[in-house]
């Protein structure tokens, strides 16, 4: 696998999320990928980032479905489809709490062991000054404010 093919693989994974499928599309095998990553260990976080980009986009799409609701045809008594004035079935959207719970559960445990290891290695490679400046920035953030959702602001 060449550097250009690995770049194509990362682009495909960011859009598709399926590493095996993307490898087949560029004409390589998993063994080629493993050999490439063995010789170019510094490229592993790039693949992890591509997977994270896909995952974040996917979770955002599912979250939108969970909150805005999944479309369903309105039905009347005995399951009859209710038609609108235009003769088309009336579509209702109702929020789905089970789907939202699944999204929250997935978001909390999204990194695999290898991804966690890659993240820890990249953090360990940074300087202590950078880590302390990040901690100072976090500590200097203002306290969270309680929002009055659904109430008018004066």
Protein backbone atom coordinates (compact mmCIF):
# COMPACT_ATOMS: atom_id res chain seq x y z
CA UNK A 1 0.00 0.00 0.00
CA UNK A 2 1.36 3.41 -0.93
CA UNK A 3 0.96 6.69 0.93
CA UNK A 4 -1.51 7.89 -1.75
CA UNK A 5 -3.61 4.72 -1.39
CA UNK A 6 -3.64 5.16 2.37
CA UNK A 7 -4.88 8.74 1.88
CA UNK A 8 -7.65 7.44 -0.39
CA UNK A 9 -8.50 4.81 2.22
CA UNK A 10 -8.80 7.44 4.97
CA UNK A 11 -11.03 9.63 2.77
CA UNK A 12 -13.26 6.66 1.96
CA UNK A 13 -13.47 5.57 5.61
CA UNK A 14 -14.45 9.10 6.68
CA UNK A 15 -17.38 8.96 4.24
CA UNK A 16 -18.27 5.26 4.43
CA UNK A 17 -17.13 3.97 7.84
CA UNK A 18 -16.34 0.49 6.55
CA UNK A 19 -12.59 -0.09 6.36
CA UNK A 20 -12.84 -3.50 4.65
CA UNK A 21 -15.10 -2.15 1.91
CA UNK A 22 -12.84 0.86 1.33
CA UNK A 23 -9.75 -1.35 1.09
CA UNK A 24 -11.45 -3.43 -1.61
CA UNK A 25 -12.43 -0.25 -3.49
CA UNK A 26 -8.81 0.91 -3.74
CA UNK A 27 -7.65 -2.56 -4.76
CA UNK A 28 -5.69 -3.58 -1.66
CA UNK A 29 -6.13 -6.16 1.10
CA UNK A 30 -6.24 -6.00 4.88
CA UNK A 31 -2.75 -7.52 4.92
CA UNK A 32 -1.52 -4.54 2.87
CA UNK A 33 -3.04 -2.18 5.41
CA UNK A 34 -1.51 -4.03 8.36
CA UNK A 35 1.92 -4.01 6.71
CA UNK A 36 1.59 -0.31 5.91
CA UNK A 37 0.62 0.55 9.50
CA UNK A 38 3.44 -1.64 10.83
CA UNK A 39 6.00 0.35 8.82
CA UNK A 40 4.23 3.73 9.24
CA UNK A 41 3.01 3.64 12.84
CA UNK A 42 2.65 7.43 12.86
CA UNK A 43 -0.20 7.11 10.30
CA UNK A 44 -2.46 5.03 12.58
CA UNK A 45 -4.05 8.12 14.24
CA UNK A 46 -5.03 9.36 10.77
CA UNK A 47 -7.13 6.24 10.20
CA UNK A 48 -8.57 6.53 13.70
CA UNK A 49 -9.50 10.14 12.99
CA UNK A 50 -11.22 9.11 9.74
CA UNK A 51 -13.29 6.55 11.65
CA UNK A 52 -14.13 9.18 14.28
CA UNK A 53 -15.28 11.63 11.61
CA UNK A 54 -17.63 9.03 10.11
CA UNK A 55 -18.87 7.98 13.53
CA UNK A 56 -19.59 11.56 14.62
CA UNK A 57 -21.51 12.30 11.40
CA UNK A 58 -23.46 9.08 11.74
CA UNK A 59 -24.38 9.75 15.38
CA UNK A 60 -25.45 13.31 14.47
CA UNK A 61 -27.78 11.95 11.77
CA UNK A 62 -29.29 9.38 14.13
CA UNK A 63 -29.64 12.05 16.85
CA UNK A 64 -31.58 14.24 14.39
CA UNK A 65 -33.93 11.32 13.65
CA UNK A 66 -34.35 10.64 17.36
CA UNK A 67 -35.21 14.24 18.21
CA UNK A 68 -37.20 15.32 15.16
CA UNK A 69 -38.94 11.99 14.99
CA UNK A 70 -39.18 9.12 12.60
CA UNK A 71 -41.84 9.63 9.93
CA UNK A 72 -44.87 7.41 10.16
CA UNK A 73 -48.19 7.25 8.36
CA UNK A 74 -51.13 8.42 10.47
CA UNK A 75 -53.70 5.70 10.93
CA UNK A 76 -57.26 5.89 12.12
CA UNK A 77 -59.57 3.34 13.60
CA UNK A 78 -58.89 -0.26 12.64
CA UNK A 79 -55.56 0.75 11.07
CA UNK A 80 -56.98 2.64 8.12
CA UNK A 81 -54.58 5.15 6.54
CA UNK A 82 -55.73 8.75 6.94
CA UNK A 83 -55.47 10.81 3.77
CA UNK A 84 -54.93 14.57 3.64
CA UNK A 85 -56.76 17.12 1.49
CA UNK A 86 -54.40 16.37 -1.40
CA UNK A 87 -55.22 12.65 -1.32
CA UNK A 88 -51.78 11.68 0.02
CA UNK A 89 -51.29 9.85 3.36
CA UNK A 90 -50.73 12.16 6.34
CA UNK A 91 -47.20 11.76 7.74
CA UNK A 92 -46.57 12.34 11.44
CA UNK A 93 -43.17 12.67 13.05
CA UNK A 94 -42.83 11.61 16.65
CA UNK A 95 -39.67 11.70 18.78
CA UNK A 96 -38.25 8.29 19.57
CA UNK A 97 -36.93 8.03 23.16
CA UNK A 98 -35.49 4.53 22.62
CA UNK A 99 -33.43 5.73 19.67
CA UNK A 100 -32.23 8.77 21.63
CA UNK A 101 -31.19 6.52 24.55
CA UNK A 102 -29.27 4.30 22.13
CA UNK A 103 -27.49 7.35 20.69
CA UNK A 104 -26.48 8.54 24.15
CA UNK A 105 -25.28 5.07 25.12
CA UNK A 106 -23.26 4.77 21.90
CA UNK A 107 -21.70 8.20 22.34
CA UNK A 108 -20.50 7.34 25.83
CA UNK A 109 -18.60 4.20 24.76
CA UNK A 110 -17.48 5.06 21.26
CA UNK A 111 -13.73 4.45 21.31
CA UNK A 112 -12.34 0.94 20.89
CA UNK A 113 -9.29 -0.15 22.88
CA UNK A 114 -6.92 0.55 19.98
CA UNK A 115 -8.45 4.01 19.47
CA UNK A 116 -8.09 4.75 23.18
CA UNK A 117 -4.46 3.60 23.00
CA UNK A 118 -3.85 5.85 19.97
CA UNK A 119 -5.41 8.79 21.79
CA UNK A 120 -3.32 8.14 24.91
CA UNK A 121 -0.14 7.83 22.83
CA UNK A 122 -0.83 11.09 21.02
CA UNK A 123 -1.52 12.83 24.33
CA UNK A 124 1.63 11.34 25.87
CA UNK A 125 3.68 12.61 22.91
CA UNK A 126 2.63 16.20 23.70
CA UNK A 127 4.63 18.32 26.08
CA UNK A 128 3.70 18.83 29.70
CA UNK A 129 3.45 22.57 29.01
CA UNK A 130 0.75 21.92 26.41
CA UNK A 131 -1.16 19.66 28.82
CA UNK A 132 -0.93 22.21 31.64
CA UNK A 133 -2.08 25.04 29.34
CA UNK A 134 -5.09 22.93 28.30
CA UNK A 135 -5.91 22.25 31.95
CA UNK A 136 -5.62 25.98 32.75
CA UNK A 137 -7.94 26.81 29.86
CA UNK A 138 -10.48 24.27 31.12
CA UNK A 139 -10.25 25.57 34.67
CA UNK A 140 -10.64 29.19 33.53
CA UNK A 141 -13.91 28.45 31.71
CA UNK A 142 -16.92 30.07 33.36
CA UNK A 143 -19.32 27.96 35.37
CA UNK A 144 -22.26 26.50 33.44
CA UNK A 145 -25.38 28.64 33.40
CA UNK A 146 -28.88 27.26 33.90
CA UNK A 147 -30.94 27.96 30.81
CA UNK A 148 -34.65 28.66 31.03
CA UNK A 149 -35.84 26.57 28.11
CA UNK A 150 -39.28 27.48 26.83
CA UNK A 151 -39.54 30.67 28.85
CA UNK A 152 -39.41 34.14 27.37
CA UNK A 153 -36.30 36.22 27.93
CA UNK A 154 -36.66 39.76 29.27
